[in-house]
Amino acid sequence: MALYVKAVLAGLKDWKKALPVLIFTIARIIYGWAWVEAGWHKLAWLSDGKLNSAGLITKMATNLAGPEVKRFDPLSINSAFAWIGNNIFAGAMPAVTDFLVVVFEILIGVLIILGLRVFWAALVATFLNLQFIAAGSFNNFGYLWTNLALMKFAKYAEYIGIDGYLRSKKGKELL
């Protein structure tokens, strides 16, 4: 651990490395907390039985394969996603879907806060955000841009985190 701390402190002496590392570390913690909080609130909804992913999935399927969209879907990809949403996630297992959304939101948040596999957590977060947008939630565009930034600059975001420590322990370059 002492070698890792020394390597981090030595790397932070160069302001060109220090600035993005500090910005992405602070942003990573704030953004990760937003994901944990979103999952935590849904966990409270699950206990009340108020979370209705089946209704949201049906709305998403309508948005994906409605009459206005079909003319722009020559390969029927949107129709296939709508069928999967309606017949599998909304029809067969809405309670499992509710549970998985909560688990993945909390897991994404924890991974991002800890600086562990930030790229992969941001990739899964992007998938969830796209599903939320398809269901009609238009407040996720900021999340999409944040996910893209975290995927592009994951090494800076992980520099002060578990992945940075693991890279240091393996003798790899931190940046």
N, C-alpha and C. Protein backbone atom coordinates (compact mmCIF):
# COMPACT_ATOMS: atom_id res chain seq x y z
N MET A 1 0.83 -1.20 0.00
CA MET A 1 0.00 0.00 0.00
C MET A 1 0.87 1.26 0.00
N ALA A 2 1.97 1.21 0.73
CA ALA A 2 2.85 2.37 0.80
C ALA A 2 3.45 2.69 -0.56
N LEU A 3 3.79 1.65 -1.34
CA LEU A 3 4.33 1.87 -2.68
C LEU A 3 3.28 2.53 -3.59
N TYR A 4 2.04 2.11 -3.43
CA TYR A 4 0.96 2.69 -4.22
C TYR A 4 0.79 4.17 -3.88
N VAL A 5 0.77 4.48 -2.60
CA VAL A 5 0.61 5.88 -2.17
C VAL A 5 1.77 6.73 -2.69
N LYS A 6 2.98 6.20 -2.63
CA LYS A 6 4.14 6.93 -3.15
C LYS A 6 4.00 7.14 -4.66
N ALA A 7 3.56 6.12 -5.38
CA ALA A 7 3.40 6.24 -6.83
C ALA A 7 2.32 7.26 -7.17
N VAL A 8 1.23 7.27 -6.42
CA VAL A 8 0.16 8.24 -6.66
C VAL A 8 0.66 9.65 -6.39
N LEU A 9 1.32 9.85 -5.26
CA LEU A 9 1.82 11.18 -4.92
C LEU A 9 2.86 11.66 -5.94
N ALA A 10 3.71 10.75 -6.40
CA ALA A 10 4.70 11.12 -7.42
C ALA A 10 4.00 11.51 -8.73
N GLY A 11 2.97 10.76 -9.09
CA GLY A 11 2.23 11.06 -10.31
C GLY A 11 1.47 12.37 -10.23
N LEU A 12 1.01 12.72 -9.03
CA LEU A 12 0.22 13.94 -8.85
C LEU A 12 1.08 15.20 -8.83
N LYS A 13 2.42 15.05 -8.82
CA LYS A 13 3.29 16.23 -8.87
C LYS A 13 3.24 16.90 -10.24
N ASP A 14 2.91 16.14 -11.27
CA ASP A 14 2.73 16.70 -12.61
C ASP A 14 1.29 17.19 -12.73
N TRP A 15 1.10 18.51 -12.83
CA TRP A 15 -0.25 19.06 -12.82
C TRP A 15 -1.08 18.60 -14.01
N LYS A 16 -0.43 18.22 -15.12
CA LYS A 16 -1.17 17.75 -16.29
C LYS A 16 -1.81 16.39 -16.03
N LYS A 17 -1.26 15.65 -15.12
CA LYS A 17 -1.87 14.38 -14.70
C LYS A 17 -2.79 14.62 -13.49
N ALA A 18 -2.35 15.48 -12.59
CA ALA A 18 -3.08 15.70 -11.34
C ALA A 18 -4.46 16.29 -11.57
N LEU A 19 -4.56 17.24 -12.48
CA LEU A 19 -5.84 17.91 -12.70
C LEU A 19 -6.93 16.95 -13.18
N PRO A 20 -6.70 16.18 -14.26
CA PRO A 20 -7.76 15.25 -14.66
C PRO A 20 -8.01 14.14 -13.64
N VAL A 21 -6.96 13.70 -12.94
CA VAL A 21 -7.15 12.67 -11.92
C VAL A 21 -8.05 13.19 -10.82
N LEU A 22 -7.79 14.39 -10.33
CA LEU A 22 -8.62 14.93 -9.25
C LEU A 22 -10.04 15.21 -9.72
N ILE A 23 -10.18 15.77 -10.92
CA ILE A 23 -11.52 16.05 -11.45
C ILE A 23 -12.32 14.76 -11.61
N PHE A 24 -11.70 13.75 -12.23
CA PHE A 24 -12.43 12.50 -12.45
C PHE A 24 -12.65 11.72 -11.16
N THR A 25 -11.77 11.85 -10.20
CA THR A 25 -11.99 11.16 -8.92
C THR A 25 -13.17 11.77 -8.18
N ILE A 26 -13.22 13.09 -8.12
CA ILE A 26 -14.34 13.76 -7.45
C ILE A 26 -15.65 13.49 -8.20
N ALA A 27 -15.60 13.63 -9.53
CA ALA A 27 -16.80 13.38 -10.34
C ALA A 27 -17.25 11.93 -10.19
N ARG A 28 -16.30 11.01 -10.15
CA ARG A 28 -16.61 9.58 -10.01
C ARG A 28 -17.35 9.32 -8.71
N ILE A 29 -16.91 9.92 -7.63
CA ILE A 29 -17.55 9.68 -6.34
C ILE A 29 -18.96 10.28 -6.32
N ILE A 30 -19.11 11.49 -6.84
CA ILE A 30 -20.44 12.13 -6.88
C ILE A 30 -21.39 11.33 -7.77
N TYR A 31 -20.90 10.94 -8.95
CA TYR A 31 -21.72 10.20 -9.90
C TYR A 31 -22.07 8.81 -9.36
N GLY A 32 -21.11 8.15 -8.75
CA GLY A 32 -21.37 6.84 -8.16
C GLY A 32 -22.43 6.94 -7.06
N TRP A 33 -22.34 8.00 -6.26
CA TRP A 33 -23.32 8.18 -5.19
C TRP A 33 -24.72 8.38 -5.78
N ALA A 34 -24.81 9.07 -6.91
CA ALA A 34 -26.13 9.27 -7.55
C ALA A 34 -26.72 7.92 -7.95
N TRP A 35 -25.89 7.00 -8.44
CA TRP A 35 -26.38 5.67 -8.81
C TRP A 35 -26.80 4.87 -7.58
N VAL A 36 -26.00 4.92 -6.52
CA VAL A 36 -26.36 4.20 -5.29
C VAL A 36 -27.67 4.75 -4.75
N GLU A 37 -27.79 6.07 -4.75
CA GLU A 37 -29.01 6.70 -4.23
C GLU A 37 -30.24 6.32 -5.06
N ALA A 38 -30.09 6.29 -6.39
CA ALA A 38 -31.20 5.90 -7.26
C ALA A 38 -31.63 4.46 -6.98
N GLY A 39 -30.67 3.57 -6.83
CA GLY A 39 -30.99 2.18 -6.49
C GLY A 39 -31.61 2.05 -5.12
N TRP A 40 -31.10 2.83 -4.18
CA TRP A 40 -31.61 2.79 -2.80
C TRP A 40 -33.07 3.23 -2.76
N HIS A 41 -33.38 4.30 -3.50
CA HIS A 41 -34.78 4.77 -3.54
C HIS A 41 -35.68 3.72 -4.17
N LYS A 42 -35.21 3.07 -5.21
CA LYS A 42 -36.01 2.01 -5.83
C LYS A 42 -36.16 0.82 -4.90
N LEU A 43 -35.15 0.56 -4.08
CA LEU A 43 -35.24 -0.52 -3.10
C LEU A 43 -36.37 -0.23 -2.12
N ALA A 44 -36.52 1.02 -1.73
CA ALA A 44 -37.63 1.40 -0.86
C ALA A 44 -38.96 1.21 -1.58
N TRP A 45 -39.00 1.53 -2.89
CA TRP A 45 -40.22 1.31 -3.66
C TRP A 45 -40.54 -0.17 -3.76
N LEU A 46 -39.51 -1.00 -3.92
CA LEU A 46 -39.75 -2.44 -4.01
C LEU A 46 -40.43 -2.95 -2.76
N SER A 47 -39.99 -2.45 -1.61
CA SER A 47 -40.58 -2.92 -0.36
C SER A 47 -42.04 -2.50 -0.25
N ASP A 48 -42.40 -1.40 -0.90
CA ASP A 48 -43.80 -0.95 -0.90
C ASP A 48 -44.60 -1.57 -2.02
N GLY A 49 -43.92 -2.21 -2.96
CA GLY A 49 -44.59 -2.79 -4.12
C GLY A 49 -45.01 -1.75 -5.15
N LYS A 50 -44.40 -0.55 -5.10
CA LYS A 50 -44.80 0.53 -6.01
C LYS A 50 -43.99 0.58 -7.30
N LEU A 51 -42.85 -0.10 -7.35
CA LEU A 51 -42.04 -0.06 -8.56
C LEU A 51 -42.72 -0.91 -9.63
N ASN A 52 -42.93 -0.33 -10.78
CA ASN A 52 -43.70 -1.00 -11.81
C ASN A 52 -42.89 -1.07 -13.09
N SER A 53 -41.92 -1.96 -13.13
CA SER A 53 -41.12 -2.05 -14.34
C SER A 53 -41.93 -2.59 -15.50
N ALA A 54 -42.94 -3.40 -15.22
CA ALA A 54 -43.76 -3.94 -16.31
C ALA A 54 -44.43 -2.81 -17.08
N GLY A 55 -44.96 -1.82 -16.38
CA GLY A 55 -45.59 -0.68 -17.04
C GLY A 55 -44.58 0.13 -17.83
N LEU A 56 -43.38 0.31 -17.26
CA LEU A 56 -42.34 1.07 -17.96
C LEU A 56 -41.83 0.30 -19.18
N ILE A 57 -41.73 -1.02 -19.06
CA ILE A 57 -41.27 -1.83 -20.19
C ILE A 57 -42.30 -1.79 -21.31
N THR A 58 -43.57 -1.86 -20.97
CA THR A 58 -44.62 -1.76 -21.98
C THR A 58 -44.55 -0.41 -22.68
N LYS A 59 -44.33 0.66 -21.90
CA LYS A 59 -44.20 2.00 -22.49
C LYS A 59 -42.98 2.06 -23.41
N MET A 60 -41.85 1.44 -22.96
CA MET A 60 -40.65 1.41 -23.79
C MET A 60 -40.92 0.68 -25.10
N ALA A 61 -41.61 -0.46 -25.01
CA ALA A 61 -41.92 -1.24 -26.21
C ALA A 61 -42.79 -0.44 -27.17
N THR A 62 -43.74 0.31 -26.63
CA THR A 62 -44.59 1.17 -27.47
C THR A 62 -43.74 2.25 -28.13
N ASN A 63 -42.81 2.83 -27.36
CA ASN A 63 -41.95 3.87 -27.92
C ASN A 63 -41.01 3.31 -28.98
N LEU A 64 -40.59 2.05 -28.82
CA LEU A 64 -39.66 1.44 -29.77
C LEU A 64 -40.33 0.94 -31.04
N ALA A 65 -41.56 0.46 -30.90
CA ALA A 65 -42.20 -0.19 -32.06
C ALA A 65 -43.56 0.39 -32.38
N GLY A 66 -43.77 1.63 -32.02
CA GLY A 66 -45.04 2.27 -32.36
C GLY A 66 -45.13 2.54 -33.85
N PRO A 67 -46.28 2.99 -34.31
CA PRO A 67 -46.48 3.20 -35.74
C PRO A 67 -45.53 4.23 -36.34
N GLU A 68 -45.15 5.24 -35.57
CA GLU A 68 -44.23 6.26 -36.09
C GLU A 68 -42.82 5.72 -36.27
N VAL A 69 -42.45 4.71 -35.49
CA VAL A 69 -41.08 4.19 -35.52
C VAL A 69 -40.92 3.10 -36.57
N LYS A 70 -41.97 2.36 -36.87
CA LYS A 70 -41.86 1.21 -37.76
C LYS A 70 -41.31 1.57 -39.14
N ARG A 71 -41.61 2.74 -39.61
CA ARG A 71 -41.13 3.10 -40.94
C ARG A 71 -39.63 3.34 -40.96
N PHE A 72 -39.00 3.56 -39.80
CA PHE A 72 -37.55 3.74 -39.72
C PHE A 72 -36.84 2.49 -39.23
N ASP A 73 -37.50 1.36 -39.27
CA ASP A 73 -36.95 0.11 -38.72
C ASP A 73 -36.98 -0.99 -39.77
N PRO A 74 -36.16 -0.86 -40.83
CA PRO A 74 -36.24 -1.83 -41.93
C PRO A 74 -35.83 -3.25 -41.53
N LEU A 75 -34.97 -3.39 -40.54
CA LEU A 75 -34.53 -4.73 -40.11
C LEU A 75 -35.35 -5.26 -38.93
N SER A 76 -36.35 -4.53 -38.52
CA SER A 76 -37.23 -4.91 -37.41
C SER A 76 -36.47 -5.11 -36.09
N ILE A 77 -35.41 -4.36 -35.90
CA ILE A 77 -34.65 -4.47 -34.65
C ILE A 77 -35.46 -3.91 -33.49
N ASN A 78 -36.08 -2.75 -33.70
CA ASN A 78 -36.90 -2.17 -32.63
C ASN A 78 -38.07 -3.09 -32.30
N SER A 79 -38.65 -3.69 -33.32
CA SER A 79 -39.77 -4.62 -33.08
C SER A 79 -39.31 -5.83 -32.28
N ALA A 80 -38.10 -6.31 -32.56
CA ALA A 80 -37.56 -7.45 -31.81
C ALA A 80 -37.35 -7.08 -30.34
N PHE A 81 -36.77 -5.88 -30.11
CA PHE A 81 -36.59 -5.44 -28.72
C PHE A 81 -37.94 -5.26 -28.02
N ALA A 82 -38.90 -4.73 -28.74
CA ALA A 82 -40.23 -4.55 -28.16
C ALA A 82 -40.85 -5.90 -27.81
N TRP A 83 -40.69 -6.89 -28.68
CA TRP A 83 -41.23 -8.23 -28.41
C TRP A 83 -40.56 -8.83 -27.17
N ILE A 84 -39.24 -8.70 -27.08
CA ILE A 84 -38.52 -9.22 -25.90
C ILE A 84 -39.00 -8.51 -24.65
N GLY A 85 -39.13 -7.18 -24.72
CA GLY A 85 -39.59 -6.42 -23.56
C GLY A 85 -40.98 -6.83 -23.12
N ASN A 86 -41.90 -6.94 -24.07
CA ASN A 86 -43.29 -7.28 -23.73
C ASN A 86 -43.45 -8.73 -23.28
N ASN A 87 -42.81 -9.66 -23.97
CA ASN A 87 -43.06 -11.08 -23.72
C ASN A 87 -42.16 -11.69 -22.65
N ILE A 88 -40.97 -11.17 -22.46
CA ILE A 88 -40.07 -11.77 -21.48
C ILE A 88 -40.01 -10.93 -20.22
N PHE A 89 -39.59 -9.66 -20.36
CA PHE A 89 -39.38 -8.85 -19.16
C PHE A 89 -40.68 -8.36 -18.53
N ALA A 90 -41.63 -7.90 -19.33
CA ALA A 90 -42.89 -7.41 -18.75
C ALA A 90 -43.86 -8.55 -18.50
N GLY A 91 -43.87 -9.55 -19.38
CA GLY A 91 -44.85 -10.63 -19.25
C GLY A 91 -44.44 -11.71 -18.27
N ALA A 92 -43.21 -12.21 -18.40
CA ALA A 92 -42.80 -13.38 -17.63
C ALA A 92 -42.15 -13.04 -16.29
N MET A 93 -41.45 -11.91 -16.23
CA MET A 93 -40.69 -11.69 -15.00
C MET A 93 -40.55 -10.22 -14.62
N PRO A 94 -41.64 -9.50 -14.43
CA PRO A 94 -41.51 -8.09 -14.04
C PRO A 94 -40.89 -7.92 -12.65
N ALA A 95 -41.16 -8.83 -11.73
CA ALA A 95 -40.59 -8.71 -10.39
C ALA A 95 -39.07 -8.91 -10.44
N VAL A 96 -38.60 -9.83 -11.28
CA VAL A 96 -37.16 -10.05 -11.43
C VAL A 96 -36.52 -8.81 -12.06
N THR A 97 -37.20 -8.22 -13.02
CA THR A 97 -36.69 -7.02 -13.66
C THR A 97 -36.59 -5.89 -12.64
N ASP A 98 -37.62 -5.71 -11.82
CA ASP A 98 -37.57 -4.70 -10.75
C ASP A 98 -36.34 -4.92 -9.87
N PHE A 99 -36.13 -6.16 -9.46
CA PHE A 99 -35.01 -6.51 -8.59
C PHE A 99 -33.66 -6.24 -9.28
N LEU A 100 -33.55 -6.64 -10.55
CA LEU A 100 -32.29 -6.47 -11.27
C LEU A 100 -31.94 -5.00 -11.49
N VAL A 101 -32.93 -4.17 -11.74
CA VAL A 101 -32.67 -2.74 -11.90
C VAL A 101 -32.07 -2.18 -10.62
N VAL A 102 -32.65 -2.54 -9.48
CA VAL A 102 -32.13 -2.07 -8.19
C VAL A 102 -30.71 -2.57 -7.96
N VAL A 103 -30.49 -3.86 -8.18
CA VAL A 103 -29.16 -4.44 -7.95
C VAL A 103 -28.12 -3.79 -8.84
N PHE A 104 -28.43 -3.63 -10.12
CA PHE A 104 -27.46 -3.07 -11.04
C PHE A 104 -27.20 -1.59 -10.75
N GLU A 105 -28.21 -0.83 -10.37
CA GLU A 105 -27.97 0.58 -10.04
C GLU A 105 -27.05 0.70 -8.83
N ILE A 106 -27.30 -0.08 -7.79
CA ILE A 106 -26.44 -0.03 -6.61
C ILE A 106 -25.04 -0.54 -6.93
N LEU A 107 -24.95 -1.62 -7.70
CA LEU A 107 -23.65 -2.18 -8.07
C LEU A 107 -22.83 -1.20 -8.92
N ILE A 108 -23.47 -0.57 -9.88
CA ILE A 108 -22.78 0.44 -10.70
C ILE A 108 -22.24 1.55 -9.80
N GLY A 109 -23.07 2.04 -8.90
CA GLY A 109 -22.64 3.11 -8.00
C GLY A 109 -21.47 2.72 -7.13
N VAL A 110 -21.52 1.54 -6.55
CA VAL A 110 -20.45 1.09 -5.66
C VAL A 110 -19.15 0.91 -6.45
N LEU A 111 -19.22 0.29 -7.62
CA LEU A 111 -18.02 0.09 -8.43
C LEU A 111 -17.39 1.43 -8.83
N ILE A 112 -18.22 2.37 -9.21
CA ILE A 112 -17.69 3.67 -9.62
C ILE A 112 -17.10 4.42 -8.43
N ILE A 113 -17.76 4.39 -7.29
CA ILE A 113 -17.23 5.05 -6.09
C ILE A 113 -15.87 4.47 -5.70
N LEU A 114 -15.77 3.15 -5.73
CA LEU A 114 -14.52 2.50 -5.33
C LEU A 114 -13.42 2.59 -6.38
N GLY A 115 -13.76 3.00 -7.59
CA GLY A 115 -12.77 3.07 -8.66
C GLY A 115 -12.39 1.70 -9.15
N LEU A 116 -13.36 0.81 -9.17
CA LEU A 116 -13.13 -0.57 -9.59
C LEU A 116 -13.91 -0.84 -10.87
N ARG A 117 -13.21 -1.16 -11.94
CA ARG A 117 -13.82 -1.47 -13.24
C ARG A 117 -14.77 -0.36 -13.70
N VAL A 118 -14.28 0.86 -13.66
CA VAL A 118 -15.10 2.03 -13.99
C VAL A 118 -15.61 1.96 -15.42
N PHE A 119 -14.76 1.54 -16.36
CA PHE A 119 -15.19 1.45 -17.75
C PHE A 119 -16.41 0.53 -17.88
N TRP A 120 -16.33 -0.65 -17.30
CA TRP A 120 -17.41 -1.64 -17.43
C TRP A 120 -18.66 -1.19 -16.69
N ALA A 121 -18.49 -0.57 -15.54
CA ALA A 121 -19.65 -0.04 -14.81
C ALA A 121 -20.33 1.05 -15.63
N ALA A 122 -19.54 1.93 -16.26
CA ALA A 122 -20.11 3.00 -17.09
C ALA A 122 -20.78 2.43 -18.33
N LEU A 123 -20.24 1.33 -18.86
CA LEU A 123 -20.86 0.70 -20.02
C LEU A 123 -22.24 0.13 -19.67
N VAL A 124 -22.34 -0.55 -18.54
CA VAL A 124 -23.64 -1.08 -18.09
C VAL A 124 -24.58 0.08 -17.76
N ALA A 125 -24.03 1.14 -17.17
CA ALA A 125 -24.85 2.32 -16.87
C ALA A 125 -25.40 2.94 -18.14
N THR A 126 -24.60 2.95 -19.20
CA THR A 126 -25.07 3.48 -20.49
C THR A 126 -26.24 2.66 -21.01
N PHE A 127 -26.12 1.34 -20.91
CA PHE A 127 -27.22 0.47 -21.35
C PHE A 127 -28.49 0.78 -20.55
N LEU A 128 -28.38 0.88 -19.23
CA LEU A 128 -29.56 1.19 -18.40
C LEU A 128 -30.13 2.56 -18.77
N ASN A 129 -29.26 3.56 -18.95
CA ASN A 129 -29.75 4.89 -19.29
C ASN A 129 -30.47 4.90 -20.63
N LEU A 130 -29.97 4.15 -21.60
CA LEU A 130 -30.66 4.08 -22.89
C LEU A 130 -32.03 3.43 -22.74
N GLN A 131 -32.14 2.44 -21.88
CA GLN A 131 -33.44 1.81 -21.64
C GLN A 131 -34.40 2.78 -20.96
N PHE A 132 -33.87 3.57 -20.02
CA PHE A 132 -34.72 4.55 -19.34
C PHE A 132 -35.21 5.60 -20.34
N ILE A 133 -34.33 6.03 -21.24
CA ILE A 133 -34.72 7.01 -22.26
C ILE A 133 -35.78 6.42 -23.18
N ALA A 134 -35.58 5.15 -23.57
CA ALA A 134 -36.56 4.50 -24.45
C ALA A 134 -37.91 4.37 -23.75
N ALA A 135 -37.91 4.30 -22.42
CA ALA A 135 -39.17 4.20 -21.67
C ALA A 135 -39.82 5.56 -21.47
N GLY A 136 -39.15 6.61 -21.91
CA GLY A 136 -39.78 7.93 -21.83
C GLY A 136 -39.17 8.86 -20.81
N SER A 137 -38.09 8.47 -20.13
CA SER A 137 -37.44 9.33 -19.15
C SER A 137 -36.36 10.13 -19.88
N PHE A 138 -36.59 11.42 -20.01
CA PHE A 138 -35.67 12.23 -20.81
C PHE A 138 -34.69 13.02 -19.95
N ASN A 139 -34.54 12.65 -18.70
CA ASN A 139 -33.58 13.35 -17.85
C ASN A 139 -32.27 12.58 -17.75
N ASN A 140 -32.02 11.64 -18.64
CA ASN A 140 -30.82 10.80 -18.56
C ASN A 140 -29.72 11.20 -19.52
N PHE A 141 -29.88 12.27 -20.27
CA PHE A 141 -28.86 12.64 -21.23
C PHE A 141 -27.56 13.05 -20.55
N GLY A 142 -27.63 13.71 -19.41
CA GLY A 142 -26.43 14.06 -18.66
C GLY A 142 -25.70 12.82 -18.19
N TYR A 143 -26.46 11.81 -17.80
CA TYR A 143 -25.85 10.54 -17.38
C TYR A 143 -25.13 9.89 -18.56
N LEU A 144 -25.73 9.93 -19.74
CA LEU A 144 -25.08 9.33 -20.91
C LEU A 144 -23.74 10.00 -21.20
N TRP A 145 -23.70 11.33 -21.14
CA TRP A 145 -22.44 12.03 -21.39
C TRP A 145 -21.41 11.71 -20.31
N THR A 146 -21.86 11.60 -19.07
CA THR A 146 -20.95 11.24 -17.99
C THR A 146 -20.41 9.83 -18.19
N ASN A 147 -21.28 8.91 -18.60
CA ASN A 147 -20.83 7.54 -18.86
C ASN A 147 -19.77 7.53 -19.95
N LEU A 148 -20.00 8.27 -21.03
CA LEU A 148 -19.03 8.31 -22.12
C LEU A 148 -17.69 8.89 -21.65
N ALA A 149 -17.74 9.94 -20.84
CA ALA A 149 -16.49 10.52 -20.32
C ALA A 149 -15.76 9.53 -19.43
N LEU A 150 -16.51 8.82 -18.58
CA LEU A 150 -15.86 7.83 -17.70
C LEU A 150 -15.28 6.68 -18.49
N MET A 151 -15.94 6.27 -19.56
CA MET A 151 -15.39 5.19 -20.37
C MET A 151 -14.12 5.64 -21.09
N LYS A 152 -14.12 6.87 -21.58
CA LYS A 152 -12.95 7.39 -22.31
C LYS A 152 -11.77 7.62 -21.37
N PHE A 153 -12.03 8.13 -20.17
CA PHE A 153 -10.96 8.50 -19.25
C PHE A 153 -10.97 7.63 -17.99
N ALA A 154 -11.26 6.36 -18.16
CA ALA A 154 -11.36 5.44 -17.01
C ALA A 154 -10.06 5.36 -16.22
N LYS A 155 -8.92 5.39 -16.89
CA LYS A 155 -7.64 5.28 -16.16
C LYS A 155 -7.45 6.47 -15.22
N TYR A 156 -7.87 7.66 -15.62
CA TYR A 156 -7.78 8.82 -14.74
C TYR A 156 -8.74 8.66 -13.56
N ALA A 157 -9.94 8.15 -13.85
CA ALA A 157 -10.93 7.96 -12.79
C ALA A 157 -10.53 6.87 -11.81
N GLU A 158 -9.78 5.88 -12.29
CA GLU A 158 -9.37 4.75 -11.43
C GLU A 158 -8.02 4.96 -10.77
N TYR A 159 -7.32 6.03 -11.12
CA TYR A 159 -5.97 6.29 -10.61
C TYR A 159 -5.93 6.23 -9.09
N ILE A 160 -6.87 6.94 -8.46
CA ILE A 160 -7.01 6.88 -7.00
C ILE A 160 -8.23 6.01 -6.74
N GLY A 161 -8.02 4.72 -6.69
CA GLY A 161 -9.09 3.76 -6.49
C GLY A 161 -8.54 2.35 -6.46
N ILE A 162 -9.42 1.40 -6.37
CA ILE A 162 -9.00 0.00 -6.25
C ILE A 162 -8.25 -0.46 -7.50
N ASP A 163 -8.74 -0.11 -8.69
CA ASP A 163 -8.04 -0.53 -9.90
C ASP A 163 -6.64 0.08 -9.99
N GLY A 164 -6.49 1.34 -9.56
CA GLY A 164 -5.16 1.95 -9.53
C GLY A 164 -4.24 1.19 -8.58
N TYR A 165 -4.77 0.83 -7.44
CA TYR A 165 -3.99 0.04 -6.47
C TYR A 165 -3.60 -1.31 -7.05
N LEU A 166 -4.55 -1.99 -7.70
CA LEU A 166 -4.26 -3.30 -8.28
C LEU A 166 -3.24 -3.21 -9.40
N ARG A 167 -3.33 -2.15 -10.24
CA ARG A 167 -2.32 -1.96 -11.28
C ARG A 167 -0.95 -1.73 -10.67
N SER A 168 -0.91 -0.95 -9.59
CA SER A 168 0.35 -0.69 -8.91
C SER A 168 0.94 -1.96 -8.33
N LYS A 169 0.08 -2.78 -7.76
CA LYS A 169 0.53 -4.03 -7.14
C LYS A 169 1.10 -5.00 -8.18
N LYS A 170 0.55 -4.97 -9.39
CA LYS A 170 1.04 -5.82 -10.46
C LYS A 170 2.28 -5.23 -11.14
N GLY A 171 2.68 -4.03 -10.73
CA GLY A 171 3.86 -3.41 -11.32
C GLY A 171 3.57 -2.69 -12.61
N LYS A 172 2.31 -2.46 -12.91
CA LYS A 172 1.94 -1.75 -14.15
C LYS A 172 1.95 -0.25 -13.93
N GLU A 173 2.07 0.47 -15.03
CA GLU A 173 2.02 1.91 -15.00
C GLU A 173 0.60 2.35 -14.61
N LEU A 174 0.50 3.35 -13.72
CA LEU A 174 -0.82 3.78 -13.27
C LEU A 174 -1.59 4.53 -14.35
N LEU A 175 -0.90 5.29 -15.17
CA LEU A 175 -1.57 6.02 -16.26
C LEU A 175 -1.00 5.59 -17.58
